[in-house]
Amino acid sequence: MPTKEEVLELEICECGNKNVAEAIKTFQETSLPYKKAKKLVTECEKSCCRAALLRVFDMAYTGQFDYDEIHRLIQLRHNKLGEILEMMKTGR
């Protein structure tokens, strides 16, 4: 598993060009509900990074961070996108 520092540097949302550390800081500094706070990180309306962002939001609220879980959710998103792109290339 990656280190805490490696997870904090991972890009959490391609749209907003923000990493995990920036998302945590944003969520900790706002009292907005998730839907509005998410827009501060993603700068969009898409839901491609919803699972990871929602968990980070919850973790920022409680103050307890599970970096392995964050990494797992980000990897799942990338794996799903890779699968979809591969299916589009091969026509399956």
N, C-alpha and C. Protein backbone atom coordinates (compact mmCIF):
# COMPACT_ATOMS: atom_id res chain seq x y z
N MET A 1 0.84 -1.19 0.00
CA MET A 1 0.00 0.00 0.00
C MET A 1 0.88 1.26 0.00
N PRO A 2 0.39 2.31 -0.61
CA PRO A 2 1.16 3.55 -0.65
C PRO A 2 1.20 4.23 0.72
N THR A 3 2.16 5.11 0.87
CA THR A 3 2.30 5.86 2.12
C THR A 3 1.23 6.96 2.17
N LYS A 4 1.07 7.51 3.35
CA LYS A 4 0.12 8.61 3.55
C LYS A 4 0.44 9.77 2.59
N GLU A 5 1.72 10.10 2.48
CA GLU A 5 2.14 11.20 1.62
C GLU A 5 1.81 10.93 0.16
N GLU A 6 1.99 9.68 -0.28
CA GLU A 6 1.67 9.32 -1.66
C GLU A 6 0.18 9.45 -1.93
N VAL A 7 -0.64 9.04 -0.98
CA VAL A 7 -2.09 9.16 -1.13
C VAL A 7 -2.51 10.62 -1.17
N LEU A 8 -1.92 11.44 -0.32
CA LEU A 8 -2.27 12.86 -0.28
C LEU A 8 -1.95 13.57 -1.60
N GLU A 9 -0.99 13.05 -2.36
CA GLU A 9 -0.61 13.65 -3.64
C GLU A 9 -1.43 13.14 -4.82
N LEU A 10 -2.23 12.08 -4.61
CA LEU A 10 -3.04 11.53 -5.70
C LEU A 10 -4.10 12.53 -6.15
N GLU A 11 -4.33 12.57 -7.44
CA GLU A 11 -5.38 13.43 -7.98
C GLU A 11 -6.73 12.81 -7.65
N ILE A 12 -7.57 13.57 -6.95
CA ILE A 12 -8.87 13.03 -6.55
C ILE A 12 -9.94 13.34 -7.59
N CYS A 13 -9.73 14.40 -8.34
CA CYS A 13 -10.70 14.76 -9.39
C CYS A 13 -9.96 15.40 -10.55
N GLU A 14 -10.13 14.81 -11.73
CA GLU A 14 -9.47 15.33 -12.92
C GLU A 14 -10.05 16.68 -13.33
N CYS A 15 -11.31 16.89 -13.08
CA CYS A 15 -11.98 18.13 -13.49
C CYS A 15 -11.41 19.33 -12.74
N GLY A 16 -11.26 19.19 -11.43
CA GLY A 16 -10.79 20.30 -10.62
C GLY A 16 -9.29 20.35 -10.46
N ASN A 17 -8.59 19.33 -10.98
CA ASN A 17 -7.13 19.28 -10.87
C ASN A 17 -6.66 19.39 -9.42
N LYS A 18 -7.39 18.77 -8.51
CA LYS A 18 -7.05 18.84 -7.08
C LYS A 18 -6.58 17.47 -6.60
N ASN A 19 -5.64 17.52 -5.65
CA ASN A 19 -5.20 16.26 -5.06
C ASN A 19 -5.95 16.02 -3.75
N VAL A 20 -5.70 14.89 -3.13
CA VAL A 20 -6.41 14.50 -1.91
C VAL A 20 -6.16 15.52 -0.80
N ALA A 21 -4.93 15.98 -0.65
CA ALA A 21 -4.61 16.95 0.40
C ALA A 21 -5.42 18.24 0.23
N GLU A 22 -5.54 18.70 -1.00
CA GLU A 22 -6.31 19.92 -1.27
C GLU A 22 -7.79 19.71 -0.99
N ALA A 23 -8.30 18.53 -1.32
CA ALA A 23 -9.71 18.23 -1.05
C ALA A 23 -9.97 18.21 0.45
N ILE A 24 -9.07 17.57 1.20
CA ILE A 24 -9.22 17.52 2.66
C ILE A 24 -9.22 18.93 3.24
N LYS A 25 -8.28 19.75 2.81
CA LYS A 25 -8.19 21.12 3.32
C LYS A 25 -9.46 21.90 3.00
N THR A 26 -9.95 21.77 1.78
CA THR A 26 -11.18 22.45 1.37
C THR A 26 -12.35 22.02 2.23
N PHE A 27 -12.51 20.71 2.42
CA PHE A 27 -13.63 20.20 3.22
C PHE A 27 -13.52 20.62 4.68
N GLN A 28 -12.30 20.69 5.21
CA GLN A 28 -12.12 21.09 6.61
C GLN A 28 -12.40 22.58 6.83
N GLU A 29 -12.23 23.36 5.79
CA GLU A 29 -12.39 24.81 5.92
C GLU A 29 -13.80 25.31 5.60
N THR A 30 -14.70 24.42 5.24
CA THR A 30 -16.05 24.84 4.89
C THR A 30 -17.08 24.17 5.79
N SER A 31 -18.19 24.84 5.94
CA SER A 31 -19.30 24.25 6.68
C SER A 31 -20.45 23.90 5.73
N LEU A 32 -20.17 23.96 4.44
CA LEU A 32 -21.18 23.64 3.43
C LEU A 32 -21.50 22.15 3.44
N PRO A 33 -22.71 21.79 3.02
CA PRO A 33 -23.04 20.37 2.87
C PRO A 33 -22.23 19.79 1.70
N TYR A 34 -22.18 18.46 1.64
CA TYR A 34 -21.34 17.78 0.64
C TYR A 34 -21.56 18.28 -0.78
N LYS A 35 -22.80 18.37 -1.22
CA LYS A 35 -23.09 18.72 -2.61
C LYS A 35 -22.47 20.06 -3.01
N LYS A 36 -22.52 21.03 -2.12
CA LYS A 36 -21.94 22.34 -2.43
C LYS A 36 -20.43 22.35 -2.21
N ALA A 37 -19.97 21.65 -1.18
CA ALA A 37 -18.53 21.59 -0.90
C ALA A 37 -17.80 20.85 -2.02
N LYS A 38 -18.45 19.85 -2.59
CA LYS A 38 -17.87 19.08 -3.70
C LYS A 38 -17.52 19.99 -4.87
N LYS A 39 -18.37 20.96 -5.14
CA LYS A 39 -18.14 21.87 -6.26
C LYS A 39 -16.89 22.72 -6.04
N LEU A 40 -16.52 22.97 -4.78
CA LEU A 40 -15.30 23.71 -4.50
C LEU A 40 -14.07 22.91 -4.90
N VAL A 41 -14.18 21.59 -4.84
CA VAL A 41 -13.07 20.72 -5.19
C VAL A 41 -13.09 20.38 -6.67
N THR A 42 -14.24 19.96 -7.18
CA THR A 42 -14.32 19.46 -8.56
C THR A 42 -14.50 20.56 -9.59
N GLU A 43 -15.14 21.65 -9.19
CA GLU A 43 -15.46 22.75 -10.09
C GLU A 43 -16.34 22.28 -11.25
N CYS A 44 -17.14 21.20 -11.00
CA CYS A 44 -18.03 20.68 -12.04
C CYS A 44 -19.24 20.01 -11.40
N GLU A 45 -20.12 19.49 -12.25
CA GLU A 45 -21.33 18.81 -11.79
C GLU A 45 -21.25 17.30 -11.98
N LYS A 46 -20.12 16.79 -12.50
CA LYS A 46 -19.98 15.36 -12.80
C LYS A 46 -19.91 14.54 -11.52
N SER A 47 -20.17 13.24 -11.67
CA SER A 47 -20.12 12.35 -10.51
C SER A 47 -19.04 11.28 -10.64
N CYS A 48 -18.06 11.49 -11.52
CA CYS A 48 -17.04 10.48 -11.78
C CYS A 48 -16.19 10.18 -10.54
N CYS A 49 -15.99 11.12 -9.68
CA CYS A 49 -15.15 10.92 -8.51
C CYS A 49 -15.97 10.92 -7.21
N ARG A 50 -17.26 10.69 -7.31
CA ARG A 50 -18.17 10.80 -6.18
C ARG A 50 -17.79 9.92 -5.00
N ALA A 51 -17.49 8.65 -5.23
CA ALA A 51 -17.23 7.71 -4.13
C ALA A 51 -16.05 8.17 -3.28
N ALA A 52 -14.96 8.50 -3.93
CA ALA A 52 -13.76 8.93 -3.19
C ALA A 52 -14.01 10.27 -2.49
N LEU A 53 -14.62 11.21 -3.19
CA LEU A 53 -14.87 12.52 -2.58
C LEU A 53 -15.82 12.45 -1.39
N LEU A 54 -16.85 11.64 -1.51
CA LEU A 54 -17.80 11.51 -0.41
C LEU A 54 -17.13 10.93 0.83
N ARG A 55 -16.27 9.92 0.63
CA ARG A 55 -15.55 9.32 1.77
C ARG A 55 -14.59 10.33 2.39
N VAL A 56 -13.88 11.10 1.56
CA VAL A 56 -12.97 12.11 2.09
C VAL A 56 -13.75 13.18 2.85
N PHE A 57 -14.91 13.56 2.33
CA PHE A 57 -15.75 14.54 3.01
C PHE A 57 -16.16 14.01 4.39
N ASP A 58 -16.61 12.76 4.44
CA ASP A 58 -17.00 12.14 5.73
C ASP A 58 -15.81 12.06 6.68
N MET A 59 -14.66 11.69 6.15
CA MET A 59 -13.46 11.57 6.98
C MET A 59 -13.03 12.94 7.51
N ALA A 60 -13.14 13.96 6.68
CA ALA A 60 -12.78 15.31 7.13
C ALA A 60 -13.73 15.77 8.23
N TYR A 61 -14.99 15.38 8.14
CA TYR A 61 -15.98 15.73 9.15
C TYR A 61 -15.65 15.08 10.50
N THR A 62 -15.25 13.79 10.45
CA THR A 62 -14.95 13.08 11.70
C THR A 62 -13.51 13.30 12.16
N GLY A 63 -12.64 13.70 11.24
CA GLY A 63 -11.25 13.92 11.60
C GLY A 63 -10.40 12.65 11.61
N GLN A 64 -10.97 11.56 11.14
CA GLN A 64 -10.24 10.28 11.09
C GLN A 64 -10.11 9.86 9.63
N PHE A 65 -8.87 9.74 9.16
CA PHE A 65 -8.62 9.46 7.76
C PHE A 65 -8.07 8.06 7.57
N ASP A 66 -8.66 7.34 6.61
CA ASP A 66 -8.21 6.00 6.24
C ASP A 66 -7.61 6.13 4.84
N TYR A 67 -6.30 6.31 4.78
CA TYR A 67 -5.63 6.57 3.51
C TYR A 67 -5.65 5.36 2.58
N ASP A 68 -5.67 4.16 3.15
CA ASP A 68 -5.79 2.96 2.32
C ASP A 68 -7.14 2.93 1.61
N GLU A 69 -8.19 3.31 2.32
CA GLU A 69 -9.54 3.35 1.73
C GLU A 69 -9.62 4.41 0.64
N ILE A 70 -9.03 5.57 0.88
CA ILE A 70 -9.03 6.63 -0.13
C ILE A 70 -8.30 6.13 -1.39
N HIS A 71 -7.15 5.52 -1.19
CA HIS A 71 -6.38 4.99 -2.32
C HIS A 71 -7.19 3.94 -3.08
N ARG A 72 -7.85 3.06 -2.37
CA ARG A 72 -8.66 2.00 -2.99
C ARG A 72 -9.77 2.60 -3.85
N LEU A 73 -10.46 3.60 -3.34
CA LEU A 73 -11.55 4.22 -4.09
C LEU A 73 -11.06 4.95 -5.34
N ILE A 74 -9.91 5.60 -5.24
CA ILE A 74 -9.34 6.28 -6.41
C ILE A 74 -8.92 5.25 -7.45
N GLN A 75 -8.31 4.15 -7.01
CA GLN A 75 -7.90 3.09 -7.94
C GLN A 75 -9.11 2.45 -8.62
N LEU A 76 -10.18 2.24 -7.87
CA LEU A 76 -11.40 1.68 -8.46
C LEU A 76 -11.92 2.57 -9.59
N ARG A 77 -11.90 3.86 -9.37
CA ARG A 77 -12.38 4.80 -10.40
C ARG A 77 -11.50 4.69 -11.65
N HIS A 78 -10.19 4.65 -11.46
CA HIS A 78 -9.29 4.55 -12.60
C HIS A 78 -9.45 3.21 -13.32
N ASN A 79 -9.64 2.14 -12.58
CA ASN A 79 -9.83 0.82 -13.19
C ASN A 79 -11.11 0.77 -14.01
N LYS A 80 -12.18 1.37 -13.49
CA LYS A 80 -13.45 1.38 -14.22
C LYS A 80 -13.31 2.19 -15.50
N LEU A 81 -12.65 3.34 -15.42
CA LEU A 81 -12.46 4.16 -16.61
C LEU A 81 -11.62 3.41 -17.63
N GLY A 82 -10.60 2.71 -17.17
CA GLY A 82 -9.75 1.93 -18.07
C GLY A 82 -10.53 0.82 -18.75
N GLU A 83 -11.39 0.16 -18.00
CA GLU A 83 -12.23 -0.90 -18.57
C GLU A 83 -13.16 -0.35 -19.65
N ILE A 84 -13.76 0.79 -19.37
CA ILE A 84 -14.69 1.39 -20.33
C ILE A 84 -13.95 1.80 -21.60
N LEU A 85 -12.78 2.40 -21.44
CA LEU A 85 -12.00 2.80 -22.62
C LEU A 85 -11.57 1.58 -23.43
N GLU A 86 -11.16 0.53 -22.76
CA GLU A 86 -10.76 -0.69 -23.46
C GLU A 86 -11.94 -1.30 -24.22
N MET A 87 -13.12 -1.28 -23.59
CA MET A 87 -14.30 -1.81 -24.26
C MET A 87 -14.65 -0.98 -25.50
N MET A 88 -14.44 0.31 -25.41
CA MET A 88 -14.73 1.18 -26.55
C MET A 88 -13.74 0.92 -27.68
N LYS A 89 -12.48 0.67 -27.36
CA LYS A 89 -11.46 0.39 -28.37
C LYS A 89 -11.72 -0.91 -29.09
N THR A 90 -12.08 -1.93 -28.32
CA THR A 90 -12.26 -3.26 -28.90
C THR A 90 -13.66 -3.47 -29.45
N GLY A 91 -14.58 -2.60 -29.14
CA GLY A 91 -15.94 -2.71 -29.65
C GLY A 91 -16.79 -3.76 -28.95
N ARG A 92 -16.42 -4.13 -27.72
CA ARG A 92 -17.20 -5.14 -26.98
C ARG A 92 -18.32 -4.50 -26.22
